[in-house]
N, C-alpha and C. Protein backbone atom coordinates (compact mmCIF):
# COMPACT_ATOMS: atom_id res chain seq x y z
N MET A 1 -5.74 -14.11 -5.20
CA MET A 1 -4.29 -14.71 -5.93
C MET A 1 -3.72 -16.18 -4.93
N LYS A 2 -3.96 -16.11 -3.93
CA LYS A 2 -3.71 -17.55 -2.87
C LYS A 2 -2.05 -18.00 -3.66
N SER A 3 -1.03 -17.38 -3.79
CA SER A 3 0.05 -17.82 -3.81
C SER A 3 0.56 -18.72 -3.64
N GLU A 4 1.47 -19.31 -4.59
CA GLU A 4 1.90 -20.56 -4.05
C GLU A 4 3.21 -20.35 -3.27
N ALA A 5 3.62 -18.74 -3.54
CA ALA A 5 4.85 -18.36 -2.96
C ALA A 5 5.18 -18.73 -1.56
N GLN A 6 6.97 -18.79 -1.33
CA GLN A 6 7.25 -19.10 -0.15
C GLN A 6 7.66 -18.33 0.39
N TYR A 7 7.32 -17.78 1.72
CA TYR A 7 7.57 -16.57 2.53
C TYR A 7 8.28 -16.82 3.81
N ASP A 8 9.10 -15.91 4.25
CA ASP A 8 9.81 -16.03 5.03
C ASP A 8 9.52 -14.85 6.07
N ASP A 9 8.51 -15.10 6.53
CA ASP A 9 7.97 -14.19 7.66
C ASP A 9 8.81 -13.87 9.11
N GLU A 10 10.25 -14.31 8.82
CA GLU A 10 10.96 -13.72 9.30
C GLU A 10 12.30 -13.07 9.13
N TYR A 11 12.09 -12.63 7.84
CA TYR A 11 12.84 -12.46 6.90
C TYR A 11 13.81 -11.22 8.20
N ALA A 12 15.26 -11.63 7.89
CA ALA A 12 16.10 -11.19 8.78
C ALA A 12 16.76 -9.56 8.54
N THR A 13 16.65 -9.63 7.51
CA THR A 13 17.09 -7.76 7.13
C THR A 13 16.02 -6.83 7.43
N CYS A 14 14.74 -7.15 8.22
CA CYS A 14 13.81 -6.58 7.57
C CYS A 14 13.30 -6.30 9.76
N VAL A 15 13.05 -5.27 9.79
CA VAL A 15 12.58 -4.78 10.94
C VAL A 15 11.00 -5.11 11.27
N GLU A 16 10.45 -4.30 10.05
CA GLU A 16 9.11 -3.95 9.98
C GLU A 16 8.91 -3.74 8.39
N THR A 17 7.52 -4.03 7.91
CA THR A 17 7.17 -3.79 6.42
C THR A 17 5.78 -4.18 6.47
N HIS A 18 5.27 -3.31 5.32
CA HIS A 18 3.68 -3.23 5.04
C HIS A 18 3.38 -3.11 3.89
N ALA A 19 2.32 -2.90 3.12
CA ALA A 19 1.83 -2.28 2.18
C ALA A 19 0.81 -1.78 1.93
N TRP A 20 0.43 -0.46 1.03
CA TRP A 20 -1.01 -0.19 1.06
C TRP A 20 -1.18 0.60 -0.60
N LEU A 21 -2.47 0.53 -0.69
CA LEU A 21 -2.71 1.52 -1.95
C LEU A 21 -3.30 2.71 -1.64
N ARG A 22 -3.00 3.49 -2.26
CA ARG A 22 -3.35 4.87 -2.05
C ARG A 22 -4.19 5.75 -3.16
N VAL A 23 -5.28 6.26 -2.85
CA VAL A 23 -6.02 6.53 -4.15
C VAL A 23 -5.73 8.11 -3.80
N MET A 24 -5.62 9.07 -4.39
CA MET A 24 -5.50 10.44 -3.84
C MET A 24 -6.00 11.46 -4.99
N GLY A 25 -6.71 12.46 -4.72
CA GLY A 25 -6.64 13.45 -5.43
C GLY A 25 -7.25 15.04 -5.08
N GLU A 26 -7.45 16.16 -5.57
CA GLU A 26 -8.13 16.88 -5.25
C GLU A 26 -9.52 17.03 -4.95
N MET A 27 -10.39 16.29 -5.73
CA MET A 27 -11.53 16.37 -6.05
C MET A 27 -12.37 15.10 -5.34
N LEU A 28 -11.56 14.40 -4.89
CA LEU A 28 -11.95 13.12 -4.78
C LEU A 28 -12.76 12.60 -3.61
N ASP A 29 -13.68 11.77 -3.87
CA ASP A 29 -14.88 11.58 -2.66
C ASP A 29 -14.51 9.94 -2.01
N PRO A 30 -13.74 9.90 -0.72
CA PRO A 30 -13.43 8.56 -0.41
C PRO A 30 -14.52 7.40 -0.28
N HIS A 31 -15.82 8.18 -0.18
CA HIS A 31 -16.93 7.43 0.19
C HIS A 31 -17.33 6.98 -1.36
N THR A 32 -17.33 7.65 -2.29
CA THR A 32 -17.32 6.61 -3.79
C THR A 32 -16.42 6.18 -4.08
N VAL A 33 -14.94 5.99 -3.73
CA VAL A 33 -14.17 5.16 -4.20
C VAL A 33 -14.34 4.02 -3.32
N THR A 34 -14.68 3.86 -1.81
CA THR A 34 -15.25 2.88 -1.11
C THR A 34 -16.40 1.84 -2.35
N SER A 35 -17.48 3.04 -2.59
CA SER A 35 -18.53 2.26 -3.19
C SER A 35 -18.12 1.91 -4.52
N ARG A 36 -17.29 2.29 -5.49
CA ARG A 36 -16.78 1.52 -6.50
C ARG A 36 -15.54 0.58 -6.34
N LEU A 37 -15.14 0.49 -5.28
CA LEU A 37 -14.26 -0.57 -5.47
C LEU A 37 -14.64 -1.89 -4.62
N LYS A 38 -15.85 -1.48 -3.81
CA LYS A 38 -16.62 -2.43 -2.95
C LYS A 38 -15.49 -3.38 -1.87
N VAL A 39 -14.49 -2.43 -1.35
CA VAL A 39 -13.45 -2.66 -0.59
C VAL A 39 -14.16 -1.60 0.42
N GLN A 40 -13.41 -1.66 2.17
CA GLN A 40 -13.67 -0.92 3.06
C GLN A 40 -11.96 -0.45 3.01
N PRO A 41 -11.78 0.76 3.19
CA PRO A 41 -10.76 1.37 3.37
C PRO A 41 -10.10 1.37 4.82
N THR A 42 -8.87 1.39 5.09
CA THR A 42 -8.10 1.30 6.47
C THR A 42 -7.94 2.73 6.84
N LYS A 43 -8.03 3.50 5.99
CA LYS A 43 -8.09 4.73 6.26
C LYS A 43 -8.51 5.81 5.15
N THR A 44 -9.08 7.14 5.74
CA THR A 44 -9.29 8.12 4.25
C THR A 44 -9.26 9.23 5.07
N GLN A 45 -9.21 10.54 4.01
CA GLN A 45 -8.67 11.69 4.32
C GLN A 45 -9.28 12.67 3.60
N LEU A 46 -9.57 13.84 4.22
CA LEU A 46 -10.19 14.72 3.30
C LEU A 46 -9.53 15.90 2.93
N ARG A 47 -9.47 16.36 1.83
CA ARG A 47 -8.79 17.87 1.55
C ARG A 47 -9.39 19.25 1.99
N GLY A 48 -8.44 19.67 3.00
CA GLY A 48 -8.66 21.03 3.95
C GLY A 48 -8.85 20.33 5.02
N ALA A 49 -8.76 18.62 5.35
CA ALA A 49 -8.87 18.51 6.81
C ALA A 49 -7.34 18.83 7.68
N LEU A 50 -7.40 18.60 8.81
CA LEU A 50 -6.04 18.96 9.69
C LEU A 50 -5.83 17.28 10.04
N PRO A 51 -4.60 16.91 9.90
CA PRO A 51 -4.14 15.65 10.04
C PRO A 51 -4.15 15.14 11.43
N ARG A 52 -3.75 16.41 12.42
CA ARG A 52 -4.05 15.73 13.85
C ARG A 52 -4.37 17.20 14.28
N GLU A 53 -4.78 17.18 15.36
CA GLU A 53 -5.19 18.69 16.14
C GLU A 53 -3.84 19.26 16.65
N GLY A 54 -4.16 20.45 16.35
CA GLY A 54 -2.96 21.18 16.50
C GLY A 54 -2.41 21.40 15.15
N SER A 55 -2.38 20.78 14.18
CA SER A 55 -1.35 20.79 12.99
C SER A 55 -2.07 22.12 12.15
N SER A 56 -0.81 23.07 11.36
CA SER A 56 -1.45 23.93 10.91
C SER A 56 -1.36 23.65 9.24
N HIS A 57 -1.13 22.33 8.95
CA HIS A 57 -0.71 22.21 7.41
C HIS A 57 -2.15 21.47 7.12
N PRO A 58 -3.04 21.77 6.43
CA PRO A 58 -4.53 20.82 5.93
C PRO A 58 -3.79 19.62 4.79
N TYR A 59 -4.68 18.74 4.76
CA TYR A 59 -4.38 17.85 3.68
C TYR A 59 -4.48 18.45 2.32
N LYS A 60 -3.50 18.16 1.22
CA LYS A 60 -3.65 18.93 0.14
C LYS A 60 -4.68 18.08 -0.57
N TYR A 61 -4.85 17.04 -0.39
CA TYR A 61 -5.40 16.00 -1.67
C TYR A 61 -6.52 15.13 -0.32
N SER A 62 -7.61 14.60 -1.16
CA SER A 62 -8.24 13.68 -0.31
C SER A 62 -7.86 12.45 -0.81
N GLY A 63 -7.72 11.30 0.05
CA GLY A 63 -7.29 9.80 0.12
C GLY A 63 -8.33 8.87 0.41
N TRP A 64 -7.88 7.92 0.00
CA TRP A 64 -8.70 6.87 0.41
C TRP A 64 -6.98 5.46 0.15
N PHE A 65 -7.10 4.59 1.75
CA PHE A 65 -5.96 4.16 1.77
C PHE A 65 -6.46 2.48 2.13
N LEU A 66 -5.66 1.43 1.65
CA LEU A 66 -5.98 0.13 2.33
C LEU A 66 -4.45 -0.36 2.32
N GLU A 67 -4.44 -0.97 3.84
CA GLU A 67 -3.09 -0.91 3.92
C GLU A 67 -3.19 -2.50 4.92
N SER A 68 -2.11 -2.93 4.49
CA SER A 68 -1.71 -4.74 5.17
C SER A 68 -1.61 -4.65 6.52
N LYS A 69 -0.86 -3.26 7.39
CA LYS A 69 -0.63 -2.99 8.78
C LYS A 69 -1.91 -3.04 9.66
N GLY A 70 -1.61 -4.44 10.38
CA GLY A 70 -2.78 -4.68 11.29
C GLY A 70 -3.56 -5.65 10.83
N HIS A 71 -3.31 -6.63 9.36
CA HIS A 71 -3.82 -7.57 8.97
C HIS A 71 -3.05 -8.65 8.44
N VAL A 72 -1.76 -8.38 8.29
CA VAL A 72 -0.90 -9.28 7.91
C VAL A 72 0.50 -9.14 9.06
N GLN A 73 0.75 -10.31 9.51
CA GLN A 73 1.89 -10.70 10.40
C GLN A 73 3.22 -11.51 9.91
N SER A 74 3.92 -10.26 9.35
CA SER A 74 5.20 -10.80 8.85
C SER A 74 6.06 -10.11 8.31
N ARG A 75 7.32 -10.17 8.22
CA ARG A 75 8.46 -9.75 7.79
C ARG A 75 8.83 -9.28 6.35
N ASP A 76 8.10 -10.65 5.65
CA ASP A 76 7.85 -10.70 4.43
C ASP A 76 7.46 -9.80 3.66
N SER A 77 7.97 -8.71 2.76
CA SER A 77 6.63 -8.01 2.35
C SER A 77 6.11 -8.50 0.91
N ARG A 78 6.58 -9.78 0.75
CA ARG A 78 5.56 -10.47 -0.49
C ARG A 78 4.51 -10.66 0.37
N ARG A 79 4.45 -11.22 1.54
CA ARG A 79 3.09 -11.92 2.17
C ARG A 79 1.97 -10.29 2.34
N HIS A 80 2.57 -9.22 2.54
CA HIS A 80 1.62 -7.95 2.63
C HIS A 80 1.22 -7.82 1.13
N LEU A 81 2.24 -7.56 -0.17
CA LEU A 81 1.39 -7.49 -1.21
C LEU A 81 0.64 -8.47 -1.46
N ASP A 82 0.71 -9.96 -1.51
CA ASP A 82 0.01 -10.84 -1.70
C ASP A 82 -1.34 -10.49 -0.71
N TRP A 83 -1.85 -10.06 0.38
CA TRP A 83 -2.94 -9.68 0.93
C TRP A 83 -3.51 -8.46 0.24
N LEU A 84 -2.62 -7.62 -0.18
CA LEU A 84 -2.98 -6.40 -0.74
C LEU A 84 -3.71 -6.98 -2.21
N LEU A 85 -3.17 -7.62 -3.03
CA LEU A 85 -3.51 -7.80 -4.23
C LEU A 85 -4.93 -8.79 -4.63
N ASP A 86 -5.00 -9.83 -3.37
CA ASP A 86 -6.02 -10.55 -3.04
C ASP A 86 -7.30 -9.84 -3.07
N SER A 87 -7.01 -8.80 -2.31
CA SER A 87 -7.86 -7.52 -1.51
C SER A 87 -8.59 -6.74 -3.04
N LEU A 88 -7.29 -6.68 -4.12
CA LEU A 88 -7.82 -5.76 -5.15
C LEU A 88 -8.38 -6.83 -6.27
N GLN A 89 -8.26 -8.27 -6.37
CA GLN A 89 -8.60 -8.88 -7.43
C GLN A 89 -9.91 -8.79 -8.21
N GLY A 90 -9.64 -8.61 -9.49
CA GLY A 90 -11.10 -8.22 -10.12
C GLY A 90 -11.26 -6.58 -10.18
N ARG A 91 -10.63 -5.51 -10.11
CA ARG A 91 -10.65 -4.37 -9.45
C ARG A 91 -9.99 -3.36 -10.68
N GLN A 92 -9.21 -4.48 -11.80
CA GLN A 92 -8.78 -3.63 -12.49
C GLN A 92 -8.98 -2.27 -13.40
N VAL A 93 -10.42 -2.57 -13.84
CA VAL A 93 -10.88 -1.69 -14.18
C VAL A 93 -11.36 -0.33 -13.62
N VAL A 94 -11.66 -0.39 -12.64
CA VAL A 94 -12.17 0.70 -11.44
C VAL A 94 -10.56 1.54 -11.28
N LEU A 95 -9.94 0.72 -11.02
CA LEU A 95 -8.83 1.44 -10.69
C LEU A 95 -8.11 2.09 -11.80
N ARG A 96 -8.27 1.55 -12.92
CA ARG A 96 -7.89 2.44 -14.23
C ARG A 96 -8.71 3.81 -14.62
N ASP A 97 -10.39 3.49 -13.75
CA ASP A 97 -10.96 4.67 -14.23
C ASP A 97 -10.61 5.89 -13.30
N LEU A 98 -10.32 5.36 -11.65
CA LEU A 98 -9.66 6.44 -10.82
C LEU A 98 -8.54 6.92 -11.44
N LYS A 99 -7.72 6.18 -12.36
CA LYS A 99 -6.20 7.15 -12.69
C LYS A 99 -6.71 7.93 -14.09
N ASP A 100 -7.75 6.97 -14.89
CA ASP A 100 -7.96 8.32 -15.66
C ASP A 100 -8.67 9.54 -15.27
N GLU A 101 -9.50 9.37 -14.30
CA GLU A 101 -10.21 10.49 -13.66
C GLU A 101 -8.83 12.11 -13.25
N GLY A 102 -8.06 11.65 -13.11
CA GLY A 102 -6.90 12.33 -12.54
C GLY A 102 -6.19 11.93 -11.25
N ASN A 103 -6.60 11.00 -10.78
CA ASN A 103 -6.07 10.79 -9.18
C ASN A 103 -4.66 9.90 -9.70
N LEU A 104 -4.19 10.28 -8.44
CA LEU A 104 -2.98 9.26 -8.34
C LEU A 104 -3.55 7.83 -7.47
N VAL A 105 -3.03 6.85 -8.50
CA VAL A 105 -3.08 5.24 -7.62
C VAL A 105 -2.15 4.38 -7.98
N ASP A 106 -1.71 4.24 -6.53
CA ASP A 106 -0.47 3.53 -7.03
C ASP A 106 -0.39 2.58 -5.34
N ILE A 107 0.74 2.16 -5.41
CA ILE A 107 1.18 0.95 -4.13
C ILE A 107 2.69 1.17 -3.25
N CYS A 108 2.71 0.95 -2.29
CA CYS A 108 3.84 1.42 -1.56
C CYS A 108 4.18 0.25 -0.50
N ILE A 109 5.40 -0.07 -0.94
CA ILE A 109 5.93 -0.75 0.33
C ILE A 109 7.00 -0.45 1.20
N ARG A 110 6.42 -0.22 2.55
CA ARG A 110 7.05 0.11 3.45
C ARG A 110 8.11 -0.88 3.93
N TRP A 111 9.39 -0.43 3.92
CA TRP A 111 10.43 -1.45 4.31
C TRP A 111 11.27 -0.63 5.57
N ASP A 112 11.40 -1.51 6.84
CA ASP A 112 12.60 -0.93 7.48
C ASP A 112 13.62 -2.24 7.62
N SER A 113 14.76 -1.58 7.02
CA SER A 113 16.05 -2.23 6.71
C SER A 113 17.01 -2.64 8.04
N VAL A 114 17.64 -3.61 8.06
CA VAL A 114 18.88 -4.10 9.03
C VAL A 114 19.93 -4.46 8.47
N GLY A 115 20.69 -4.13 7.53
CA GLY A 115 21.39 -5.10 6.81
C GLY A 115 21.38 -5.06 5.53
N GLN A 116 22.25 -5.98 4.48
CA GLN A 116 22.16 -6.13 3.48
C GLN A 116 20.95 -6.87 2.97
N GLY A 117 20.26 -6.89 2.03
CA GLY A 117 19.01 -7.88 1.53
C GLY A 117 17.78 -6.86 1.65
N GLY A 118 17.02 -6.32 0.59
CA GLY A 118 15.62 -5.71 0.88
C GLY A 118 14.88 -6.60 0.62
N PRO A 119 13.77 -5.98 0.08
CA PRO A 119 12.58 -6.73 -0.39
C PRO A 119 12.20 -7.20 -1.57
N THR A 120 11.62 -8.60 -2.16
CA THR A 120 11.56 -9.54 -3.32
C THR A 120 10.16 -9.21 -3.61
N LEU A 121 9.98 -9.29 -4.77
CA LEU A 121 8.79 -9.36 -5.77
C LEU A 121 8.63 -10.94 -6.30
N ASN A 122 8.12 -11.81 -6.37
CA ASN A 122 8.18 -12.74 -7.29
C ASN A 122 7.36 -12.99 -8.11
N PRO A 123 7.37 -13.45 -9.78
CA PRO A 123 7.21 -13.08 -10.75
C PRO A 123 5.96 -13.34 -10.91
N LYS A 124 5.02 -14.02 -9.99
CA LYS A 124 3.26 -13.84 -10.43
C LYS A 124 2.84 -12.50 -9.67
N GLN A 125 3.56 -11.98 -8.49
CA GLN A 125 3.20 -10.54 -8.22
C GLN A 125 3.60 -9.71 -9.33
N MET A 126 4.42 -9.97 -10.13
CA MET A 126 4.72 -8.86 -10.90
C MET A 126 3.85 -8.83 -12.05
N THR A 127 3.46 -9.91 -12.52
CA THR A 127 2.35 -10.26 -13.45
C THR A 127 1.27 -9.85 -12.93
N LEU A 128 0.73 -9.72 -11.60
CA LEU A 128 -0.47 -9.35 -11.32
C LEU A 128 -0.81 -7.88 -11.42
N LEU A 129 0.69 -7.09 -10.84
CA LEU A 129 0.85 -5.67 -10.57
C LEU A 129 0.45 -5.08 -12.14
N GLY A 130 0.97 -5.89 -13.14
CA GLY A 130 1.32 -5.48 -14.44
C GLY A 130 -0.23 -5.30 -15.27
N ALA A 131 -1.12 -6.36 -14.60
CA ALA A 131 -2.47 -6.38 -14.90
C ALA A 131 -3.43 -5.27 -14.66
N LEU A 132 -2.89 -5.16 -13.20
CA LEU A 132 -3.42 -4.02 -12.56
C LEU A 132 -3.29 -2.24 -12.92
N GLY A 133 -2.18 -2.27 -13.72
CA GLY A 133 -1.79 -1.27 -14.08
C GLY A 133 -1.54 -0.03 -13.36
N VAL A 134 -1.25 -0.62 -11.85
CA VAL A 134 -0.98 0.34 -10.87
C VAL A 134 0.52 0.53 -10.50
N GLU A 135 1.16 1.61 -10.42
CA GLU A 135 2.82 1.51 -9.86
C GLU A 135 2.81 1.32 -8.59
N LEU A 136 4.48 0.55 -8.21
CA LEU A 136 4.68 0.17 -7.37
C LEU A 136 6.08 0.85 -6.92
N TRP A 137 5.94 1.40 -5.57
CA TRP A 137 7.36 2.30 -5.14
C TRP A 137 7.56 1.55 -3.63
N PHE A 138 8.85 1.67 -3.18
CA PHE A 138 9.00 1.11 -2.32
C PHE A 138 9.68 2.66 -1.28
N ASP A 139 9.23 2.57 -0.13
CA ASP A 139 9.62 3.58 1.35
C ASP A 139 10.86 2.72 1.96
N ILE A 140 11.95 3.20 1.92
CA ILE A 140 12.86 2.48 2.48
C ILE A 140 13.14 3.34 3.54
N TYR A 141 13.40 2.51 4.86
CA TYR A 141 14.11 3.06 6.13
C TYR A 141 15.25 2.09 6.47
N PHE A 142 16.34 2.96 7.41
CA PHE A 142 17.68 1.97 7.56
C PHE A 142 17.86 2.14 9.59
N ALA A 143 17.43 0.76 9.99
CA ALA A 143 17.23 0.92 11.21
C ALA A 143 18.93 1.10 11.90
N GLY A 144 18.69 1.68 13.35
CA GLY A 144 20.12 1.49 13.79
C GLY A 144 20.68 0.16 14.15
N GLU A 145 21.80 0.48 14.84
CA GLU A 145 22.52 -0.98 15.37
C GLU A 145 21.29 -1.70 16.46
N ASP A 146 20.65 -0.77 17.03
CA ASP A 146 20.00 -1.43 18.10
C ASP A 146 18.49 -2.17 17.56
N GLY A 147 18.55 -1.65 16.25
CA GLY A 147 17.23 -2.25 15.51
C GLY A 147 16.12 -1.93 15.62
N ASP A 148 16.16 -0.23 16.19
CA ASP A 148 14.91 0.55 16.02
C ASP A 148 14.95 1.29 14.85
N ALA A 149 13.80 1.14 13.92
CA ALA A 149 13.62 2.08 12.55
C ALA A 149 13.72 3.58 13.01
């Protein structure tokens, strides 16, 4: 995509932000998703596996995740979303097929806020999201007075 977007990497009302694509399903094989998308995930999970040692609640779904955290250093969610959209360029058909097979396919932007003024999307991003056919949702948290999320 290589957007001409103007970014505000020091976004004053944000403590932290990142974006991720998730593909989840009961019968999903994360290795197959990697093969079909031709993109390495940042994380996967298998249905029935425990999220961490000592946990008593296994994953209900297998999952494949591509996350901007660790790849993008910015408090502007637009930069994180652009990284994700660049990574998914040309993969609309695969994403649609994964959805048609009964899997959950969506994009989330986490936003840790300090003050008024939240994340924004630019028109080019909205157009690309529409072309991907993938729903976007925001996971918003409000930080305390000291800036801790």
